[in-house]
Amino acid sequence: MNPKTLVAAGKCVEIAPRGMTHLEAVHKNNMARKVIVPTSFYNTVFLSKDRQGRFKPVPDEILDVKPLYSGTFGVIGARGKKLGKRLETEVRYDDGRKTLIIETEGAGADIMVCCDHGFSQDNVPHLQLFNAKTNQAITTHEGMLEVSEVIMRFNGQTYKFTIQNRCGGVLESVDGVDTFRWGVSVSAVGGLLARGVDYGIMSDVRYSADLYGVSYHFGVVTEASEAGAPLEIDGPKIPVPPIF
């Protein structure tokens, strides 16, 4: 089954034909050299308004597969406690479980450190995965299957959110519109920030943003192949106009 392709927020993107855990999303798109779109992409798709101040319609292709993992990986310490430089969590990959060890620079209490999926100019992943026993980069599906402990290192630029309320509060304000309910965990947690989680009092798909410490299978949107990690392409790139 081929991925669905569409244009949204001025980007040509693909929607994966099946849900993935956050470890599957990172590793499989690292191998494919496809960039998972960050949470800022969903801010544009969900929260952009027309000249009358009304929200623009969200493409059906995205609504049909929500909730979705964004490419923004976030990590935060337990409620009221500082984030250390190493956080261990459990995550599924295919039919097995892995221990994911996330290495960060650390942060103060209730500060979420984020890094967006992507690639450097020499194609090193911003969210790079390593075999914890050998410290060798994991670059193949077989290499991932044979390990039980995986290290993630942030190679891209990091940024931070201050969390005022871990259960139902505001994550960020986008052009005067608040994004609510970033997550509910009181424990230390790390994972891809999910968008469009559709339950509870904040049920509008436009506003919700959540971080989970367990392995849900959510949809994934990536930049289309020709718009992913740097590739050698002859001729000028022709911009594709947005559909809304």
C-alpha atoms as a PDB file:
ATOM      1  CA  MET A   1       0.000   0.000   0.000  1.00  0.00           C
ATOM      2  CA  ASN A   2       1.544   3.286  -1.124  1.00  0.00           C
ATOM      3  CA  PRO A   3       1.617   6.411   1.064  1.00  0.00           C
ATOM      4  CA  LYS A   4      -0.903   9.177   0.373  1.00  0.00           C
ATOM      5  CA  THR A   5       0.668  12.319  -1.094  1.00  0.00           C
ATOM      6  CA  LEU A   6      -0.770  15.810  -0.763  1.00  0.00           C
ATOM      7  CA  VAL A   7       0.227  19.462  -0.392  1.00  0.00           C
ATOM      8  CA  ALA A   8      -0.378  21.117   2.992  1.00  0.00           C
ATOM      9  CA  ALA A   9       1.164  24.151   4.705  1.00  0.00           C
ATOM     10  CA  GLY A  10       3.098  24.796   1.490  1.00  0.00           C
ATOM     11  CA  LYS A  11       4.836  21.393   1.647  1.00  0.00           C
ATOM     12  CA  CYS A  12       4.481  18.289  -0.490  1.00  0.00           C
ATOM     13  CA  VAL A  13       4.043  15.559   2.115  1.00  0.00           C
ATOM     14  CA  GLU A  14       3.344  11.836   2.380  1.00  0.00           C
ATOM     15  CA  ILE A  15       1.150  10.046   4.928  1.00  0.00           C
ATOM     16  CA  ALA A  16       2.362   6.591   5.946  1.00  0.00           C
ATOM     17  CA  PRO A  17      -0.128   3.805   5.082  1.00  0.00           C
ATOM     18  CA  ARG A  18      -0.007   2.366   8.628  1.00  0.00           C
ATOM     19  CA  GLY A  19       0.567   3.603  12.165  1.00  0.00           C
ATOM     20  CA  MET A  20       3.975   3.411  13.833  1.00  0.00           C
ATOM     21  CA  THR A  21       5.410   3.667  17.319  1.00  0.00           C
ATOM     22  CA  HIS A  22       7.684   6.653  17.841  1.00  0.00           C
ATOM     23  CA  LEU A  23      10.823   4.467  17.656  1.00  0.00           C
ATOM     24  CA  GLU A  24       9.617   2.889  14.411  1.00  0.00           C
ATOM     25  CA  ALA A  25       8.844   6.322  12.995  1.00  0.00           C
ATOM     26  CA  VAL A  26      12.300   7.698  13.801  1.00  0.00           C
ATOM     27  CA  HIS A  27      14.302   4.661  12.675  1.00  0.00           C
ATOM     28  CA  LYS A  28      12.369   3.793   9.529  1.00  0.00           C
ATOM     29  CA  ASN A  29      12.425   7.386   8.317  1.00  0.00           C
ATOM     30  CA  ASN A  30      16.111   7.694   9.196  1.00  0.00           C
ATOM     31  CA  MET A  31      16.701   4.714   6.894  1.00  0.00           C
ATOM     32  CA  ALA A  32      14.456   6.161   4.175  1.00  0.00           C
ATOM     33  CA  ARG A  33      15.994   9.638   4.600  1.00  0.00           C
ATOM     34  CA  LYS A  34      12.545  11.173   4.929  1.00  0.00           C
ATOM     35  CA  VAL A  35      11.948  14.075   7.313  1.00  0.00           C
ATOM     36  CA  ILE A  36       9.029  13.647   9.721  1.00  0.00           C
ATOM     37  CA  VAL A  37       7.249  17.002   9.748  1.00  0.00           C
ATOM     38  CA  PRO A  38       7.628  18.872  13.084  1.00  0.00           C
ATOM     39  CA  THR A  39       4.862  20.131  15.336  1.00  0.00           C
ATOM     40  CA  SER A  40       5.177  23.581  13.680  1.00  0.00           C
ATOM     41  CA  PHE A  41       3.764  21.998  10.485  1.00  0.00           C
ATOM     42  CA  TYR A  42       0.603  21.051  12.394  1.00  0.00           C
ATOM     43  CA  ASN A  43       0.406  24.528  13.894  1.00  0.00           C
ATOM     44  CA  THR A  44       0.103  25.838  10.338  1.00  0.00           C
ATOM     45  CA  VAL A  45      -2.300  23.133   9.145  1.00  0.00           C
ATOM     46  CA  PHE A  46      -4.558  23.239  12.211  1.00  0.00           C
ATOM     47  CA  LEU A  47      -4.403  26.879  13.297  1.00  0.00           C
ATOM     48  CA  SER A  48      -4.102  29.011  10.137  1.00  0.00           C
ATOM     49  CA  LYS A  49      -7.024  31.380   9.535  1.00  0.00           C
ATOM     50  CA  ASP A  50      -8.560  32.986   6.491  1.00  0.00           C
ATOM     51  CA  ARG A  51      -9.187  36.733   6.026  1.00  0.00           C
ATOM     52  CA  GLN A  52     -12.445  36.486   7.955  1.00  0.00           C
ATOM     53  CA  GLY A  53     -10.608  35.028  10.956  1.00  0.00           C
ATOM     54  CA  ARG A  54     -12.043  31.536  10.490  1.00  0.00           C
ATOM     55  CA  PHE A  55      -9.892  28.432  10.713  1.00  0.00           C
ATOM     56  CA  LYS A  56      -8.945  27.055   7.319  1.00  0.00           C
ATOM     57  CA  PRO A  57     -10.132  23.491   6.599  1.00  0.00           C
ATOM     58  CA  VAL A  58      -7.822  20.632   7.552  1.00  0.00           C
ATOM     59  CA  PRO A  59      -7.171  18.215   4.651  1.00  0.00           C
ATOM     60  CA  ASP A  60      -9.299  15.068   4.915  1.00  0.00           C
ATOM     61  CA  GLU A  61      -6.199  12.922   4.377  1.00  0.00           C
ATOM     62  CA  ILE A  62      -4.785  14.232   7.673  1.00  0.00           C
ATOM     63  CA  LEU A  63      -8.083  14.105   9.581  1.00  0.00           C
ATOM     64  CA  ASP A  64      -8.607  10.495   8.487  1.00  0.00           C
ATOM     65  CA  VAL A  65      -5.403   9.249  10.171  1.00  0.00           C
ATOM     66  CA  LYS A  66      -5.225  11.404  13.308  1.00  0.00           C
ATOM     67  CA  PRO A  67      -3.733  11.254  15.859  1.00  0.00           C
ATOM     68  CA  LEU A  68      -0.302  11.687  14.288  1.00  0.00           C
ATOM     69  CA  TYR A  69       3.241  11.722  15.585  1.00  0.00           C
ATOM     70  CA  SER A  70       5.035  14.920  14.699  1.00  0.00           C
ATOM     71  CA  GLY A  71       8.778  14.861  14.086  1.00  0.00           C
ATOM     72  CA  THR A  72       9.365  16.903  17.264  1.00  0.00           C
ATOM     73  CA  PHE A  73      10.929  14.699  19.934  1.00  0.00           C
ATOM     74  CA  GLY A  74      10.437  15.977  23.471  1.00  0.00           C
ATOM     75  CA  VAL A  75      11.882  14.839  26.798  1.00  0.00           C
ATOM     76  CA  ILE A  76      11.095  16.066  30.315  1.00  0.00           C
ATOM     77  CA  GLY A  77      11.892  15.012  33.872  1.00  0.00           C
ATOM     78  CA  ALA A  78       9.363  13.900  36.489  1.00  0.00           C
ATOM     79  CA  ARG A  79       6.954  16.590  37.670  1.00  0.00           C
ATOM     80  CA  GLY A  80       8.766  19.183  39.748  1.00  0.00           C
ATOM     81  CA  LYS A  81      12.172  17.544  39.177  1.00  0.00           C
ATOM     82  CA  LYS A  82      15.076  18.414  36.926  1.00  0.00           C
ATOM     83  CA  LEU A  83      15.699  16.500  33.727  1.00  0.00           C
ATOM     84  CA  GLY A  84      18.949  14.549  33.895  1.00  0.00           C
ATOM     85  CA  LYS A  85      21.289  13.904  30.997  1.00  0.00           C
ATOM     86  CA  ARG A  86      20.041  10.335  30.516  1.00  0.00           C
ATOM     87  CA  LEU A  87      16.445   9.091  30.485  1.00  0.00           C
ATOM     88  CA  GLU A  88      15.447   5.454  30.021  1.00  0.00           C
ATOM     89  CA  THR A  89      12.029   4.495  28.691  1.00  0.00           C
ATOM     90  CA  GLU A  90      10.446   1.435  27.078  1.00  0.00           C
ATOM     91  CA  VAL A  91       9.119   1.426  23.538  1.00  0.00           C
ATOM     92  CA  ARG A  92       7.850  -1.113  21.006  1.00  0.00           C
ATOM     93  CA  TYR A  93       9.532  -1.881  17.708  1.00  0.00           C
ATOM     94  CA  ASP A  94       7.648  -4.321  15.468  1.00  0.00           C
ATOM     95  CA  ASP A  95       6.624  -7.187  17.785  1.00  0.00           C
ATOM     96  CA  GLY A  96       9.309  -6.620  20.424  1.00  0.00           C
ATOM     97  CA  ARG A  97      10.165  -4.124  23.148  1.00  0.00           C
ATOM     98  CA  LYS A  98      13.296  -2.002  23.374  1.00  0.00           C
ATOM     99  CA  THR A  99      14.810   0.079  26.128  1.00  0.00           C
ATOM    100  CA  LEU A 100      15.329   3.562  24.690  1.00  0.00           C
ATOM    101  CA  ILE A 101      18.051   5.626  26.386  1.00  0.00           C
ATOM    102  CA  ILE A 102      17.680   9.308  25.522  1.00  0.00           C
ATOM    103  CA  GLU A 103      20.759  11.487  25.983  1.00  0.00           C
ATOM    104  CA  THR A 104      20.171  15.237  26.424  1.00  0.00           C
ATOM    105  CA  GLU A 105      21.893  18.265  27.916  1.00  0.00           C
ATOM    106  CA  GLY A 106      19.492  18.182  30.865  1.00  0.00           C
ATOM    107  CA  ALA A 107      17.107  20.947  31.964  1.00  0.00           C
ATOM    108  CA  GLY A 108      15.385  22.514  34.934  1.00  0.00           C
ATOM    109  CA  ALA A 109      12.173  21.286  36.526  1.00  0.00           C
ATOM    110  CA  ASP A 110       9.180  21.109  34.160  1.00  0.00           C
ATOM    111  CA  ILE A 111      11.257  22.171  31.150  1.00  0.00           C
ATOM    112  CA  MET A 112      10.680  20.057  28.038  1.00  0.00           C
ATOM    113  CA  VAL A 113      13.713  19.819  25.720  1.00  0.00           C
ATOM    114  CA  CYS A 114      12.843  19.264  22.047  1.00  0.00           C
ATOM    115  CA  CYS A 115      14.680  18.374  18.851  1.00  0.00           C
ATOM    116  CA  ASP A 116      13.081  18.081  15.410  1.00  0.00           C
ATOM    117  CA  HIS A 117      13.660  15.076  13.177  1.00  0.00           C
ATOM    118  CA  GLY A 118      15.761  15.793  10.109  1.00  0.00           C
ATOM    119  CA  PHE A 119      19.250  15.447   8.667  1.00  0.00           C
ATOM    120  CA  SER A 120      22.459  17.452   8.586  1.00  0.00           C
ATOM    121  CA  GLN A 121      24.079  18.438   5.292  1.00  0.00           C
ATOM    122  CA  ASP A 122      26.146  15.239   5.445  1.00  0.00           C
ATOM    123  CA  ASN A 123      22.974  13.215   6.111  1.00  0.00           C
ATOM    124  CA  VAL A 124      23.548  12.502   9.813  1.00  0.00           C
ATOM    125  CA  PRO A 125      20.112  12.158  11.483  1.00  0.00           C
ATOM    126  CA  HIS A 126      19.174  14.814  14.032  1.00  0.00           C
ATOM    127  CA  LEU A 127      17.655  11.972  16.083  1.00  0.00           C
ATOM    128  CA  GLN A 128      20.429   9.407  15.732  1.00  0.00           C
ATOM    129  CA  LEU A 129      20.123   5.876  17.141  1.00  0.00           C
ATOM    130  CA  PHE A 130      22.945   3.721  18.480  1.00  0.00           C
ATOM    131  CA  ASN A 131      23.458   0.172  19.743  1.00  0.00           C
ATOM    132  CA  ALA A 132      23.959   0.692  23.496  1.00  0.00           C
ATOM    133  CA  LYS A 133      26.423  -2.218  23.739  1.00  0.00           C
ATOM    134  CA  THR A 134      28.679  -1.332  20.804  1.00  0.00           C
ATOM    135  CA  ASN A 135      28.030   2.436  20.474  1.00  0.00           C
ATOM    136  CA  GLN A 136      27.652   1.875  16.730  1.00  0.00           C
ATOM    137  CA  ALA A 137      24.976   3.698  14.775  1.00  0.00           C
ATOM    138  CA  ILE A 138      21.916   1.581  13.916  1.00  0.00           C
ATOM    139  CA  THR A 139      21.329   2.007  10.200  1.00  0.00           C
ATOM    140  CA  THR A 140      19.374  -1.106   9.157  1.00  0.00           C
ATOM    141  CA  HIS A 141      16.157  -2.868  10.121  1.00  0.00           C
ATOM    142  CA  GLU A 142      18.136  -5.984  11.012  1.00  0.00           C
ATOM    143  CA  GLY A 143      20.448  -3.946  13.196  1.00  0.00           C
ATOM    144  CA  MET A 144      17.467  -2.624  15.147  1.00  0.00           C
ATOM    145  CA  LEU A 145      15.906  -6.063  15.583  1.00  0.00           C
ATOM    146  CA  GLU A 146      19.039  -7.542  17.163  1.00  0.00           C
ATOM    147  CA  VAL A 147      19.471  -4.937  19.912  1.00  0.00           C
ATOM    148  CA  SER A 148      17.590  -4.670  23.199  1.00  0.00           C
ATOM    149  CA  GLU A 149      18.904  -1.252  24.268  1.00  0.00           C
ATOM    150  CA  VAL A 150      18.952   1.752  21.940  1.00  0.00           C
ATOM    151  CA  ILE A 151      20.585   5.127  22.590  1.00  0.00           C
ATOM    152  CA  MET A 152      19.132   8.274  21.021  1.00  0.00           C
ATOM    153  CA  ARG A 153      21.327  11.359  20.674  1.00  0.00           C
ATOM    154  CA  PHE A 154      20.154  14.806  19.600  1.00  0.00           C
ATOM    155  CA  ASN A 155      22.372  16.082  16.778  1.00  0.00           C
ATOM    156  CA  GLY A 156      20.073  18.886  15.698  1.00  0.00           C
ATOM    157  CA  GLN A 157      19.288  22.219  17.302  1.00  0.00           C
ATOM    158  CA  THR A 158      17.326  21.885  20.550  1.00  0.00           C
ATOM    159  CA  TYR A 159      14.716  24.240  21.993  1.00  0.00           C
ATOM    160  CA  LYS A 160      12.640  24.293  25.168  1.00  0.00           C
ATOM    161  CA  PHE A 161       9.087  24.703  26.429  1.00  0.00           C
ATOM    162  CA  THR A 162       8.273  25.701  30.002  1.00  0.00           C
ATOM    163  CA  ILE A 163       5.368  23.552  31.196  1.00  0.00           C
ATOM    164  CA  GLN A 164       3.018  25.377  33.564  1.00  0.00           C
ATOM    165  CA  ASN A 165       0.511  22.538  33.934  1.00  0.00           C
ATOM    166  CA  ARG A 166       1.283  18.956  32.936  1.00  0.00           C
ATOM    167  CA  CYS A 167      -2.392  18.023  32.633  1.00  0.00           C
ATOM    168  CA  GLY A 168      -4.540  20.296  30.517  1.00  0.00           C
ATOM    169  CA  GLY A 169      -2.417  23.430  30.399  1.00  0.00           C
ATOM    170  CA  VAL A 170      -1.162  25.534  27.514  1.00  0.00           C
ATOM    171  CA  LEU A 171       1.824  24.203  25.580  1.00  0.00           C
ATOM    172  CA  GLU A 172       2.340  27.242  23.348  1.00  0.00           C
ATOM    173  CA  SER A 173       0.454  30.129  21.777  1.00  0.00           C
ATOM    174  CA  VAL A 174       0.453  30.312  17.979  1.00  0.00           C
ATOM    175  CA  ASP A 175      -0.651  33.649  16.493  1.00  0.00           C
ATOM    176  CA  GLY A 176      -2.857  34.241  19.504  1.00  0.00           C
ATOM    177  CA  VAL A 177      -4.316  30.705  19.556  1.00  0.00           C
ATOM    178  CA  ASP A 178      -3.362  28.478  22.486  1.00  0.00           C
ATOM    179  CA  THR A 179      -2.372  24.840  22.003  1.00  0.00           C
ATOM    180  CA  PHE A 180      -3.565  22.860  25.032  1.00  0.00           C
ATOM    181  CA  ARG A 181      -2.920  19.666  26.965  1.00  0.00           C
ATOM    182  CA  TRP A 182       0.649  18.761  26.155  1.00  0.00           C
ATOM    183  CA  GLY A 183       0.505  15.524  28.175  1.00  0.00           C
ATOM    184  CA  VAL A 184      -0.667  13.863  31.370  1.00  0.00           C
ATOM    185  CA  SER A 185       2.346  11.962  32.714  1.00  0.00           C
ATOM    186  CA  VAL A 186       3.784  12.943  36.107  1.00  0.00           C
ATOM    187  CA  SER A 187       6.828  10.713  35.484  1.00  0.00           C
ATOM    188  CA  ALA A 188       9.846  11.493  33.343  1.00  0.00           C
ATOM    189  CA  VAL A 189       8.897  10.900  29.717  1.00  0.00           C
ATOM    190  CA  GLY A 190      10.316  11.136  26.214  1.00  0.00           C
ATOM    191  CA  GLY A 191       8.806  10.624  22.773  1.00  0.00           C
ATOM    192  CA  LEU A 192       7.504  12.270  19.637  1.00  0.00           C
ATOM    193  CA  LEU A 193       4.951  15.000  20.322  1.00  0.00           C
ATOM    194  CA  ALA A 194       1.604  13.806  18.956  1.00  0.00           C
ATOM    195  CA  ARG A 195      -0.998  16.116  17.405  1.00  0.00           C
ATOM    196  CA  GLY A 196      -4.733  15.710  17.043  1.00  0.00           C
ATOM    197  CA  VAL A 197      -5.415  13.445  20.022  1.00  0.00           C
ATOM    198  CA  ASP A 198      -9.152  13.507  20.147  1.00  0.00           C
ATOM    199  CA  TYR A 199     -10.696  12.830  23.552  1.00  0.00           C
ATOM    200  CA  GLY A 200     -11.490  14.561  26.865  1.00  0.00           C
ATOM    201  CA  ILE A 201     -12.490  18.182  27.350  1.00  0.00           C
ATOM    202  CA  MET A 202      -9.981  19.460  24.767  1.00  0.00           C
ATOM    203  CA  SER A 203     -11.482  17.411  21.946  1.00  0.00           C
ATOM    204  CA  ASP A 204     -10.924  19.828  19.050  1.00  0.00           C
ATOM    205  CA  VAL A 205      -8.203  18.400  16.803  1.00  0.00           C
ATOM    206  CA  ARG A 206      -6.776  21.870  16.241  1.00  0.00           C
ATOM    207  CA  TYR A 207      -5.674  22.490  19.808  1.00  0.00           C
ATOM    208  CA  SER A 208      -4.379  19.250  21.291  1.00  0.00           C
ATOM    209  CA  ALA A 209      -0.698  18.330  21.608  1.00  0.00           C
ATOM    210  CA  ASP A 210       0.428  15.355  23.680  1.00  0.00           C
ATOM    211  CA  LEU A 211       3.584  13.537  24.773  1.00  0.00           C
ATOM    212  CA  TYR A 212       3.336   9.862  25.716  1.00  0.00           C
ATOM    213  CA  GLY A 213       5.866   7.567  27.376  1.00  0.00           C
ATOM    214  CA  VAL A 214       4.374   4.357  25.980  1.00  0.00           C
ATOM    215  CA  SER A 215       4.180   2.940  22.497  1.00  0.00           C
ATOM    216  CA  TYR A 216       1.047   3.972  20.663  1.00  0.00           C
ATOM    217  CA  HIS A 217       0.769   3.337  16.918  1.00  0.00           C
ATOM    218  CA  PHE A 218      -0.052   6.734  15.396  1.00  0.00           C
ATOM    219  CA  GLY A 219      -0.010   8.113  11.881  1.00  0.00           C
ATOM    220  CA  VAL A 220       3.131   9.747  10.495  1.00  0.00           C
ATOM    221  CA  VAL A 221       3.486  12.519   7.912  1.00  0.00           C
ATOM    222  CA  THR A 222       6.831  13.047   6.175  1.00  0.00           C
ATOM    223  CA  GLU A 223       8.150  15.445   3.606  1.00  0.00           C
ATOM    224  CA  ALA A 224       7.799  13.848   0.177  1.00  0.00           C
ATOM    225  CA  SER A 225      10.874  12.007  -1.057  1.00  0.00           C
ATOM    226  CA  GLU A 226      12.128  14.854  -3.208  1.00  0.00           C
ATOM    227  CA  ALA A 227      11.788  17.277  -0.262  1.00  0.00           C
ATOM    228  CA  GLY A 228      13.513  15.150   2.379  1.00  0.00           C
ATOM    229  CA  ALA A 229      17.170  14.963   3.359  1.00  0.00           C
ATOM    230  CA  PRO A 230      19.584  16.701   0.937  1.00  0.00           C
ATOM    231  CA  LEU A 231      19.673  14.919  -2.421  1.00  0.00           C
ATOM    232  CA  GLU A 232      21.372  15.694  -5.715  1.00  0.00           C
ATOM    233  CA  ILE A 233      18.595  16.992  -7.974  1.00  0.00           C
ATOM    234  CA  ASP A 234      19.241  18.564 -11.370  1.00  0.00           C
ATOM    235  CA  GLY A 235      17.459  21.750 -12.338  1.00  0.00           C
ATOM    236  CA  PRO A 236      15.552  24.341 -10.299  1.00  0.00           C
ATOM    237  CA  LYS A 237      12.990  23.310  -7.676  1.00  0.00           C
ATOM    238  CA  ILE A 238       9.502  24.516  -8.606  1.00  0.00           C
ATOM    239  CA  PRO A 239       7.422  25.458  -5.571  1.00  0.00           C
ATOM    240  CA  VAL A 240       4.058  23.733  -5.221  1.00  0.00           C
ATOM    241  CA  PRO A 241       1.216  26.082  -4.199  1.00  0.00           C
ATOM    242  CA  PRO A 242      -0.773  25.158  -1.072  1.00  0.00           C
ATOM    243  CA  ILE A 243      -4.247  23.729  -1.479  1.00  0.00           C
ATOM    244  CA  PHE A 244      -5.784  26.116   1.033  1.00  0.00           C
END
